[in-house]
């Protein structure tokens, strides 16, 4: 386990899992949100974002949370990863995760977010999470179809499975090893 993608809906627990996995393994986290957003919730231009993603993906070790799949950098992330963690959680779990996150950090910048991007209420973002399984999940499945046999895909359908995975990893019981 050297390059790990953590993917799934917003509110599913990707960033929390990535931080916990990083603490266990010493592998640094890379937040796609931090690469994409500029202060004040300004989007990076496509070329700038692609460049930043490519630079991050070429590092020898990372745990990268986020769903960017398009263009060159999205393909490069898939190509270079050895482990993909997929949070395939129900909509209700993800929506509750979003509401809890906002309630707990409203007006504050979360650790995995770009500087100057405080947590806020965003109806368009709620709509994205609400429609994620219908609109984004099929794209993820297609993205995963391009994985090689030497790449591990781990799917969690609830957060307890993610917790169990980390416990087993700590005990050395998972197929993926820490180097």
N, C-alpha and C. Protein backbone atom coordinates (compact mmCIF):
# COMPACT_ATOMS: atom_id res chain seq x y z
N UNK A 1 0.86 -1.17 0.00
CA UNK A 1 0.00 0.00 0.00
C UNK A 1 0.90 1.23 0.00
N UNK A 2 0.93 1.89 -1.16
CA UNK A 2 1.77 3.08 -1.31
C UNK A 2 0.99 4.29 -1.82
N UNK A 3 0.07 4.01 -2.76
CA UNK A 3 -0.75 5.07 -3.36
C UNK A 3 -2.20 4.62 -3.29
N UNK A 4 -2.96 5.32 -2.47
CA UNK A 4 -4.32 4.90 -2.15
C UNK A 4 -5.31 5.99 -2.57
N UNK A 5 -6.30 5.61 -3.37
CA UNK A 5 -7.42 6.49 -3.69
C UNK A 5 -8.56 6.19 -2.73
N UNK A 6 -9.17 7.22 -2.18
CA UNK A 6 -10.35 7.06 -1.33
C UNK A 6 -11.47 7.82 -2.02
N UNK A 7 -12.48 7.08 -2.49
CA UNK A 7 -13.52 7.66 -3.33
C UNK A 7 -14.90 7.37 -2.77
N UNK A 8 -15.87 8.16 -3.18
CA UNK A 8 -17.25 7.98 -2.75
C UNK A 8 -17.92 9.33 -2.58
N UNK A 9 -19.17 9.30 -2.20
CA UNK A 9 -19.95 10.53 -2.05
C UNK A 9 -19.41 11.43 -0.96
N UNK A 10 -19.63 12.70 -1.12
CA UNK A 10 -19.38 13.64 -0.03
C UNK A 10 -20.24 13.21 1.15
N UNK A 11 -19.72 13.35 2.35
CA UNK A 11 -20.45 12.96 3.55
C UNK A 11 -20.34 11.49 3.90
N UNK A 12 -19.63 10.72 3.08
CA UNK A 12 -19.53 9.28 3.32
C UNK A 12 -18.47 8.93 4.35
N UNK A 13 -17.53 9.83 4.59
CA UNK A 13 -16.46 9.56 5.54
C UNK A 13 -15.09 9.39 4.90
N UNK A 14 -14.96 9.77 3.63
CA UNK A 14 -13.69 9.62 2.91
C UNK A 14 -12.54 10.32 3.61
N UNK A 15 -12.73 11.57 3.93
CA UNK A 15 -11.63 12.37 4.50
C UNK A 15 -11.25 11.88 5.88
N UNK A 16 -12.23 11.52 6.69
CA UNK A 16 -11.95 10.98 8.02
C UNK A 16 -11.17 9.68 7.90
N UNK A 17 -11.61 8.81 7.00
CA UNK A 17 -10.91 7.55 6.77
C UNK A 17 -9.48 7.80 6.29
N UNK A 18 -9.32 8.71 5.35
CA UNK A 18 -7.99 9.02 4.82
C UNK A 18 -7.06 9.51 5.93
N UNK A 19 -7.55 10.37 6.80
CA UNK A 19 -6.74 10.86 7.92
C UNK A 19 -6.35 9.72 8.86
N UNK A 20 -7.30 8.84 9.16
CA UNK A 20 -7.02 7.72 10.06
C UNK A 20 -6.02 6.75 9.43
N UNK A 21 -6.20 6.47 8.15
CA UNK A 21 -5.27 5.58 7.45
C UNK A 21 -3.88 6.20 7.40
N UNK A 22 -3.81 7.49 7.17
CA UNK A 22 -2.53 8.19 7.16
C UNK A 22 -1.84 8.11 8.52
N UNK A 23 -2.61 8.29 9.59
CA UNK A 23 -2.04 8.22 10.93
C UNK A 23 -1.48 6.83 11.22
N UNK A 24 -2.12 5.80 10.68
CA UNK A 24 -1.66 4.43 10.91
C UNK A 24 -0.44 4.07 10.08
N UNK A 25 -0.39 4.58 8.86
CA UNK A 25 0.64 4.15 7.91
C UNK A 25 1.80 5.12 7.75
N UNK A 26 1.57 6.38 8.10
CA UNK A 26 2.58 7.41 7.85
C UNK A 26 2.57 7.91 6.42
N UNK A 27 1.66 7.41 5.61
CA UNK A 27 1.54 7.87 4.22
C UNK A 27 0.79 9.20 4.23
N UNK A 28 1.31 10.23 3.56
CA UNK A 28 0.66 11.55 3.61
C UNK A 28 -0.66 11.57 2.84
N UNK A 29 -1.58 12.40 3.31
CA UNK A 29 -2.85 12.58 2.61
C UNK A 29 -2.75 13.74 1.62
N UNK A 30 -3.49 13.61 0.55
CA UNK A 30 -3.64 14.67 -0.44
C UNK A 30 -5.14 14.85 -0.64
N UNK A 31 -5.64 16.03 -0.39
CA UNK A 31 -7.06 16.31 -0.56
C UNK A 31 -7.28 16.96 -1.93
N UNK A 32 -8.11 16.33 -2.73
CA UNK A 32 -8.43 16.91 -4.03
C UNK A 32 -9.14 18.24 -3.86
N UNK A 33 -9.96 18.37 -2.82
CA UNK A 33 -10.62 19.66 -2.56
C UNK A 33 -9.59 20.76 -2.36
N UNK A 34 -8.54 20.47 -1.61
CA UNK A 34 -7.51 21.48 -1.36
C UNK A 34 -6.75 21.84 -2.64
N UNK A 35 -6.65 20.90 -3.58
CA UNK A 35 -6.00 21.19 -4.85
C UNK A 35 -6.92 21.98 -5.79
N UNK A 36 -8.22 21.74 -5.67
CA UNK A 36 -9.19 22.35 -6.59
C UNK A 36 -9.61 23.75 -6.19
N UNK A 37 -9.91 23.95 -4.90
CA UNK A 37 -10.47 25.22 -4.45
C UNK A 37 -9.39 26.22 -4.09
N UNK A 38 -9.70 27.48 -4.39
CA UNK A 38 -8.87 28.62 -3.97
C UNK A 38 -9.65 29.38 -2.90
N UNK A 39 -8.99 30.25 -2.15
CA UNK A 39 -9.70 31.00 -1.10
C UNK A 39 -10.97 31.66 -1.62
N UNK A 40 -12.00 31.62 -0.78
CA UNK A 40 -13.28 32.21 -1.14
C UNK A 40 -14.13 31.30 -2.02
N UNK A 41 -13.82 30.01 -2.03
CA UNK A 41 -14.55 29.04 -2.84
C UNK A 41 -14.46 29.34 -4.33
N UNK A 42 -13.30 29.79 -4.78
CA UNK A 42 -13.05 30.04 -6.20
C UNK A 42 -12.44 28.77 -6.80
N UNK A 43 -13.02 28.31 -7.90
CA UNK A 43 -12.51 27.11 -8.55
C UNK A 43 -11.19 27.39 -9.26
N UNK A 44 -10.28 26.43 -9.21
CA UNK A 44 -9.05 26.52 -10.00
C UNK A 44 -9.41 26.33 -11.47
N UNK A 45 -8.63 26.90 -12.34
CA UNK A 45 -8.81 26.63 -13.76
C UNK A 45 -8.45 25.19 -14.06
N UNK A 46 -9.01 24.64 -15.13
CA UNK A 46 -8.77 23.24 -15.47
C UNK A 46 -7.29 22.92 -15.62
N UNK A 47 -6.54 23.75 -16.35
CA UNK A 47 -5.12 23.48 -16.57
C UNK A 47 -4.34 23.51 -15.26
N UNK A 48 -4.64 24.49 -14.42
CA UNK A 48 -3.94 24.59 -13.13
C UNK A 48 -4.25 23.37 -12.25
N UNK A 49 -5.52 23.00 -12.21
CA UNK A 49 -5.93 21.86 -11.39
C UNK A 49 -5.29 20.57 -11.91
N UNK A 50 -5.31 20.37 -13.21
CA UNK A 50 -4.68 19.19 -13.81
C UNK A 50 -3.20 19.13 -13.46
N UNK A 51 -2.52 20.27 -13.53
CA UNK A 51 -1.09 20.31 -13.21
C UNK A 51 -0.86 19.94 -11.75
N UNK A 52 -1.66 20.52 -10.86
CA UNK A 52 -1.50 20.24 -9.43
C UNK A 52 -1.81 18.78 -9.12
N UNK A 53 -2.85 18.24 -9.75
CA UNK A 53 -3.20 16.83 -9.55
C UNK A 53 -2.10 15.91 -10.06
N UNK A 54 -1.56 16.23 -11.23
CA UNK A 54 -0.50 15.41 -11.81
C UNK A 54 0.73 15.42 -10.93
N UNK A 55 1.12 16.59 -10.44
CA UNK A 55 2.27 16.68 -9.53
C UNK A 55 2.04 15.83 -8.29
N UNK A 56 0.87 15.93 -7.70
CA UNK A 56 0.57 15.15 -6.49
C UNK A 56 0.57 13.65 -6.79
N UNK A 57 -0.02 13.25 -7.92
CA UNK A 57 -0.11 11.83 -8.26
C UNK A 57 1.24 11.21 -8.54
N UNK A 58 2.21 12.00 -8.97
CA UNK A 58 3.54 11.46 -9.28
C UNK A 58 4.41 11.26 -8.04
N UNK A 59 3.94 11.73 -6.89
CA UNK A 59 4.68 11.48 -5.65
C UNK A 59 4.68 9.98 -5.36
N UNK A 60 5.71 9.48 -4.67
CA UNK A 60 5.80 8.03 -4.47
C UNK A 60 4.78 7.45 -3.48
N UNK A 61 4.27 8.26 -2.57
CA UNK A 61 3.34 7.76 -1.55
C UNK A 61 2.25 8.79 -1.34
N UNK A 62 1.00 8.35 -1.32
CA UNK A 62 -0.11 9.24 -1.00
C UNK A 62 -1.37 8.47 -0.69
N UNK A 63 -2.21 9.13 0.08
CA UNK A 63 -3.60 8.71 0.27
C UNK A 63 -4.41 9.91 -0.21
N UNK A 64 -5.10 9.74 -1.33
CA UNK A 64 -5.76 10.85 -1.99
C UNK A 64 -7.28 10.67 -1.89
N UNK A 65 -7.93 11.63 -1.22
CA UNK A 65 -9.38 11.50 -1.11
C UNK A 65 -10.06 12.49 -2.04
N UNK A 66 -11.04 11.98 -2.75
CA UNK A 66 -11.79 12.78 -3.70
C UNK A 66 -12.09 11.98 -4.94
N UNK A 67 -13.01 12.48 -5.76
CA UNK A 67 -13.55 11.68 -6.86
C UNK A 67 -13.12 12.10 -8.25
N UNK A 68 -12.19 12.97 -8.40
CA UNK A 68 -11.84 13.46 -9.73
C UNK A 68 -11.42 12.31 -10.63
N UNK A 69 -12.15 12.10 -11.73
CA UNK A 69 -11.89 10.96 -12.62
C UNK A 69 -11.59 11.38 -14.05
N UNK A 70 -11.80 12.64 -14.37
CA UNK A 70 -11.75 13.07 -15.77
C UNK A 70 -10.34 13.46 -16.20
N UNK A 71 -10.20 13.54 -17.48
CA UNK A 71 -9.01 14.08 -18.13
C UNK A 71 -7.76 13.30 -17.73
N UNK A 72 -6.63 13.85 -18.01
CA UNK A 72 -5.37 13.15 -17.78
C UNK A 72 -5.05 12.83 -16.34
N UNK A 73 -5.27 13.78 -15.45
CA UNK A 73 -4.92 13.56 -14.04
C UNK A 73 -5.80 12.50 -13.40
N UNK A 74 -7.06 12.44 -13.77
CA UNK A 74 -7.94 11.41 -13.23
C UNK A 74 -7.51 10.02 -13.65
N UNK A 75 -7.12 9.90 -14.91
CA UNK A 75 -6.62 8.62 -15.40
C UNK A 75 -5.27 8.27 -14.76
N UNK A 76 -4.41 9.27 -14.60
CA UNK A 76 -3.11 9.04 -13.98
C UNK A 76 -3.26 8.55 -12.55
N UNK A 77 -4.18 9.14 -11.79
CA UNK A 77 -4.43 8.69 -10.41
C UNK A 77 -4.80 7.22 -10.40
N UNK A 78 -5.70 6.83 -11.29
CA UNK A 78 -6.11 5.42 -11.35
C UNK A 78 -4.93 4.54 -11.73
N UNK A 79 -4.18 4.97 -12.72
CA UNK A 79 -3.05 4.17 -13.20
C UNK A 79 -1.99 3.96 -12.12
N UNK A 80 -1.70 5.00 -11.34
CA UNK A 80 -0.62 4.93 -10.36
C UNK A 80 -1.04 4.35 -9.01
N UNK A 81 -2.33 4.30 -8.73
CA UNK A 81 -2.78 3.80 -7.43
C UNK A 81 -2.59 2.29 -7.35
N UNK A 82 -2.32 1.82 -6.14
CA UNK A 82 -2.28 0.37 -5.92
C UNK A 82 -3.51 -0.11 -5.15
N UNK A 83 -4.16 0.81 -4.44
CA UNK A 83 -5.33 0.46 -3.64
C UNK A 83 -6.40 1.54 -3.83
N UNK A 84 -7.62 1.12 -4.06
CA UNK A 84 -8.74 2.04 -4.18
C UNK A 84 -9.75 1.66 -3.11
N UNK A 85 -10.08 2.62 -2.27
CA UNK A 85 -11.09 2.44 -1.23
C UNK A 85 -12.34 3.17 -1.71
N UNK A 86 -13.45 2.44 -1.82
CA UNK A 86 -14.69 3.03 -2.32
C UNK A 86 -15.75 3.02 -1.22
N UNK A 87 -16.19 4.20 -0.83
CA UNK A 87 -17.29 4.35 0.11
C UNK A 87 -18.59 4.38 -0.68
N UNK A 88 -19.26 3.24 -0.78
CA UNK A 88 -20.51 3.11 -1.53
C UNK A 88 -21.67 3.06 -0.53
N UNK A 89 -21.87 4.18 0.15
CA UNK A 89 -22.83 4.27 1.24
C UNK A 89 -24.18 4.80 0.77
N UNK A 90 -25.25 4.48 1.51
CA UNK A 90 -26.58 4.98 1.14
C UNK A 90 -26.66 6.51 1.21
N UNK A 91 -27.55 7.05 0.42
CA UNK A 91 -27.77 8.49 0.37
C UNK A 91 -28.05 9.05 1.77
N UNK A 92 -28.89 8.37 2.53
CA UNK A 92 -29.26 8.87 3.86
C UNK A 92 -28.03 9.02 4.76
N UNK A 93 -27.11 8.09 4.69
CA UNK A 93 -25.89 8.16 5.49
C UNK A 93 -25.05 9.35 5.08
N UNK A 94 -24.93 9.57 3.78
CA UNK A 94 -24.11 10.68 3.28
C UNK A 94 -24.75 12.03 3.60
N UNK A 95 -26.06 12.13 3.44
CA UNK A 95 -26.74 13.39 3.76
C UNK A 95 -26.59 13.70 5.25
N UNK A 96 -26.76 12.69 6.09
CA UNK A 96 -26.57 12.90 7.53
C UNK A 96 -25.14 13.32 7.82
N UNK A 97 -24.18 12.71 7.12
CA UNK A 97 -22.78 13.10 7.29
C UNK A 97 -22.54 14.55 6.94
N UNK A 98 -23.18 15.02 5.88
CA UNK A 98 -23.04 16.42 5.47
C UNK A 98 -23.65 17.35 6.53
N UNK A 99 -24.84 17.01 7.00
CA UNK A 99 -25.49 17.86 8.02
C UNK A 99 -24.66 17.91 9.30
N UNK A 100 -24.12 16.76 9.71
CA UNK A 100 -23.29 16.74 10.92
C UNK A 100 -22.01 17.55 10.72
N UNK A 101 -21.43 17.43 9.54
CA UNK A 101 -20.21 18.18 9.25
C UNK A 101 -20.46 19.68 9.31
N UNK A 102 -21.54 20.12 8.70
CA UNK A 102 -21.87 21.54 8.72
C UNK A 102 -22.15 22.00 10.15
N UNK A 103 -22.92 21.21 10.89
CA UNK A 103 -23.24 21.58 12.27
C UNK A 103 -21.98 21.67 13.13
N UNK A 104 -21.02 20.81 12.87
CA UNK A 104 -19.81 20.78 13.69
C UNK A 104 -18.72 21.74 13.27
N UNK A 105 -18.76 22.19 12.03
CA UNK A 105 -17.65 23.03 11.57
C UNK A 105 -18.09 24.23 10.74
N UNK A 106 -19.35 24.63 10.87
CA UNK A 106 -19.85 25.77 10.10
C UNK A 106 -18.98 27.00 10.35
N UNK A 107 -18.57 27.64 9.26
CA UNK A 107 -17.75 28.85 9.35
C UNK A 107 -16.27 28.58 9.57
N UNK A 108 -15.89 27.33 9.72
CA UNK A 108 -14.49 26.97 9.93
C UNK A 108 -13.95 26.26 8.69
N UNK A 109 -12.65 26.32 8.51
CA UNK A 109 -12.00 25.62 7.40
C UNK A 109 -11.59 24.24 7.90
N UNK A 110 -12.13 23.20 7.28
CA UNK A 110 -11.77 21.83 7.66
C UNK A 110 -10.33 21.53 7.25
N UNK A 111 -9.67 20.58 7.92
CA UNK A 111 -8.26 20.28 7.63
C UNK A 111 -7.98 19.91 6.17
N UNK A 112 -8.92 19.23 5.53
CA UNK A 112 -8.69 18.78 4.16
C UNK A 112 -9.13 19.79 3.10
N UNK A 113 -9.60 20.95 3.54
CA UNK A 113 -10.10 21.95 2.61
C UNK A 113 -9.05 23.03 2.36
N UNK A 114 -9.17 23.69 1.23
CA UNK A 114 -8.25 24.78 0.90
C UNK A 114 -8.43 25.93 1.89
N UNK A 115 -7.35 26.61 2.17
CA UNK A 115 -7.39 27.78 3.05
C UNK A 115 -8.38 28.80 2.49
N UNK A 116 -9.14 29.43 3.36
CA UNK A 116 -10.08 30.45 2.92
C UNK A 116 -11.40 29.90 2.40
N UNK A 117 -11.66 28.61 2.66
CA UNK A 117 -12.92 27.99 2.23
C UNK A 117 -13.64 27.41 3.45
N UNK A 118 -14.29 28.28 4.23
CA UNK A 118 -14.98 27.79 5.43
C UNK A 118 -16.22 26.97 5.07
N UNK A 119 -16.56 26.06 5.97
CA UNK A 119 -17.77 25.24 5.81
C UNK A 119 -18.98 26.16 5.72
N UNK A 120 -19.88 25.84 4.79
CA UNK A 120 -21.05 26.70 4.57
C UNK A 120 -22.24 25.85 4.17
N UNK A 121 -23.39 26.47 4.15
CA UNK A 121 -24.60 25.82 3.65
C UNK A 121 -24.69 26.14 2.16
N UNK A 122 -24.79 25.09 1.35
CA UNK A 122 -24.77 25.24 -0.10
C UNK A 122 -25.81 24.29 -0.69
N UNK A 123 -26.92 24.83 -1.15
CA UNK A 123 -28.01 24.00 -1.65
C UNK A 123 -27.61 23.19 -2.88
N UNK A 124 -26.77 23.75 -3.72
CA UNK A 124 -26.30 23.00 -4.90
C UNK A 124 -25.48 21.78 -4.47
N UNK A 125 -24.68 21.95 -3.43
CA UNK A 125 -23.90 20.84 -2.89
C UNK A 125 -24.83 19.77 -2.31
N UNK A 126 -25.88 20.17 -1.60
CA UNK A 126 -26.86 19.20 -1.09
C UNK A 126 -27.47 18.41 -2.24
N UNK A 127 -27.80 19.10 -3.32
CA UNK A 127 -28.38 18.44 -4.50
C UNK A 127 -27.39 17.42 -5.08
N UNK A 128 -26.11 17.80 -5.13
CA UNK A 128 -25.08 16.89 -5.64
C UNK A 128 -25.04 15.61 -4.80
N UNK A 129 -25.05 15.74 -3.49
CA UNK A 129 -25.01 14.56 -2.61
C UNK A 129 -26.30 13.76 -2.75
N UNK A 130 -27.44 14.45 -2.83
CA UNK A 130 -28.74 13.78 -2.95
C UNK A 130 -28.81 12.91 -4.21
N UNK A 131 -28.23 13.39 -5.31
CA UNK A 131 -28.30 12.67 -6.59
C UNK A 131 -27.05 11.84 -6.88
N UNK A 132 -26.13 11.77 -5.95
CA UNK A 132 -24.83 11.12 -6.18
C UNK A 132 -24.97 9.67 -6.66
N UNK A 133 -25.75 8.87 -5.96
CA UNK A 133 -25.85 7.45 -6.33
C UNK A 133 -26.38 7.27 -7.75
N UNK A 134 -27.32 8.09 -8.14
CA UNK A 134 -27.90 7.96 -9.47
C UNK A 134 -26.97 8.52 -10.55
N UNK A 135 -26.33 9.66 -10.28
CA UNK A 135 -25.56 10.33 -11.32
C UNK A 135 -24.07 10.02 -11.31
N UNK A 136 -23.47 9.89 -10.13
CA UNK A 136 -22.02 9.72 -10.06
C UNK A 136 -21.58 8.26 -9.89
N UNK A 137 -22.37 7.46 -9.19
CA UNK A 137 -22.00 6.08 -8.93
C UNK A 137 -21.73 5.30 -10.22
N UNK A 138 -22.58 5.41 -11.26
CA UNK A 138 -22.28 4.70 -12.51
C UNK A 138 -20.93 5.11 -13.12
N UNK A 139 -20.55 6.37 -12.96
CA UNK A 139 -19.26 6.83 -13.48
C UNK A 139 -18.11 6.20 -12.70
N UNK A 140 -18.29 6.05 -11.39
CA UNK A 140 -17.26 5.38 -10.59
C UNK A 140 -17.12 3.92 -11.01
N UNK A 141 -18.23 3.25 -11.20
CA UNK A 141 -18.18 1.84 -11.61
C UNK A 141 -17.43 1.71 -12.93
N UNK A 142 -17.71 2.61 -13.85
CA UNK A 142 -17.00 2.60 -15.14
C UNK A 142 -15.50 2.88 -14.93
N UNK A 143 -15.18 3.80 -14.06
CA UNK A 143 -13.79 4.14 -13.73
C UNK A 143 -13.08 2.92 -13.16
N UNK A 144 -13.75 2.20 -12.27
CA UNK A 144 -13.14 1.02 -11.65
C UNK A 144 -12.95 -0.11 -12.65
N UNK A 145 -13.73 -0.13 -13.71
CA UNK A 145 -13.59 -1.17 -14.73
C UNK A 145 -12.21 -1.11 -15.39
N UNK A 146 -11.54 0.04 -15.31
CA UNK A 146 -10.21 0.18 -15.89
C UNK A 146 -9.08 -0.23 -14.97
N UNK A 147 -9.39 -0.79 -13.81
CA UNK A 147 -8.33 -1.21 -12.89
C UNK A 147 -7.64 -2.47 -13.41
N UNK A 148 -6.38 -2.59 -13.05
CA UNK A 148 -5.58 -3.76 -13.40
C UNK A 148 -5.75 -4.84 -12.32
N UNK A 149 -5.39 -6.08 -12.65
CA UNK A 149 -5.49 -7.16 -11.65
C UNK A 149 -4.61 -6.94 -10.41
N UNK A 150 -3.53 -6.19 -10.55
CA UNK A 150 -2.63 -5.98 -9.41
C UNK A 150 -3.09 -4.83 -8.50
N UNK A 151 -4.21 -4.20 -8.83
CA UNK A 151 -4.74 -3.12 -8.01
C UNK A 151 -5.88 -3.67 -7.14
N UNK A 152 -5.90 -3.26 -5.88
CA UNK A 152 -6.94 -3.71 -4.95
C UNK A 152 -8.08 -2.71 -4.90
N UNK A 153 -9.31 -3.19 -5.03
CA UNK A 153 -10.50 -2.37 -4.85
C UNK A 153 -11.21 -2.88 -3.60
N UNK A 154 -11.36 -1.99 -2.62
CA UNK A 154 -12.03 -2.32 -1.37
C UNK A 154 -13.29 -1.46 -1.30
N UNK A 155 -14.44 -2.11 -1.15
CA UNK A 155 -15.72 -1.39 -1.13
C UNK A 155 -16.35 -1.49 0.25
N UNK A 156 -16.72 -0.33 0.80
CA UNK A 156 -17.45 -0.28 2.06
C UNK A 156 -18.88 0.17 1.77
N UNK A 157 -19.84 -0.55 2.33
CA UNK A 157 -21.24 -0.16 2.18
C UNK A 157 -21.79 0.43 3.48
N UNK A 158 -20.98 0.45 4.51
CA UNK A 158 -21.32 1.17 5.74
C UNK A 158 -20.02 1.54 6.45
N UNK A 159 -20.11 2.47 7.37
CA UNK A 159 -18.91 2.97 8.05
C UNK A 159 -18.30 1.94 8.98
N UNK A 160 -19.11 1.02 9.49
CA UNK A 160 -18.58 -0.03 10.36
C UNK A 160 -17.57 -0.88 9.60
N UNK A 161 -17.79 -1.11 8.32
CA UNK A 161 -16.84 -1.87 7.52
C UNK A 161 -15.51 -1.13 7.41
N UNK A 162 -15.57 0.18 7.27
CA UNK A 162 -14.35 0.99 7.21
C UNK A 162 -13.59 0.91 8.53
N UNK A 163 -14.31 1.00 9.64
CA UNK A 163 -13.68 0.88 10.95
C UNK A 163 -13.03 -0.49 11.11
N UNK A 164 -13.74 -1.54 10.70
CA UNK A 164 -13.22 -2.90 10.80
C UNK A 164 -11.96 -3.06 9.94
N UNK A 165 -11.97 -2.48 8.75
CA UNK A 165 -10.81 -2.55 7.87
C UNK A 165 -9.58 -1.96 8.55
N UNK A 166 -9.75 -0.80 9.16
CA UNK A 166 -8.62 -0.15 9.84
C UNK A 166 -8.16 -0.98 11.04
N UNK A 167 -9.09 -1.58 11.76
CA UNK A 167 -8.70 -2.44 12.89
C UNK A 167 -7.90 -3.64 12.40
N UNK A 168 -8.38 -4.28 11.33
CA UNK A 168 -7.66 -5.43 10.77
C UNK A 168 -6.31 -5.02 10.20
N UNK A 169 -6.24 -3.85 9.61
CA UNK A 169 -4.96 -3.36 9.09
C UNK A 169 -3.97 -3.17 10.23
N UNK A 170 -4.44 -2.63 11.34
CA UNK A 170 -3.57 -2.44 12.50
C UNK A 170 -3.05 -3.77 13.03
N UNK A 171 -3.85 -4.82 12.88
CA UNK A 171 -3.44 -6.15 13.33
C UNK A 171 -2.71 -6.94 12.25
N UNK A 172 -2.55 -6.33 11.07
CA UNK A 172 -1.85 -7.00 9.97
C UNK A 172 -2.69 -8.07 9.30
N UNK A 173 -4.01 -7.96 9.37
CA UNK A 173 -4.89 -9.00 8.84
C UNK A 173 -5.47 -8.68 7.47
N UNK A 174 -5.20 -7.51 6.92
CA UNK A 174 -5.72 -7.18 5.59
C UNK A 174 -4.77 -7.67 4.52
N UNK A 175 -5.33 -7.91 3.35
CA UNK A 175 -4.52 -8.37 2.22
C UNK A 175 -3.46 -7.34 1.85
N UNK A 176 -3.84 -6.07 1.86
CA UNK A 176 -2.88 -5.01 1.53
C UNK A 176 -1.94 -4.83 2.71
N UNK A 177 -0.68 -4.72 2.43
CA UNK A 177 0.29 -4.53 3.52
C UNK A 177 0.84 -3.12 3.48
N UNK A 178 1.37 -2.71 4.60
CA UNK A 178 1.98 -1.39 4.72
C UNK A 178 3.48 -1.56 4.53
N UNK A 179 4.05 -0.80 3.65
CA UNK A 179 5.50 -0.90 3.40
C UNK A 179 6.18 0.33 3.93
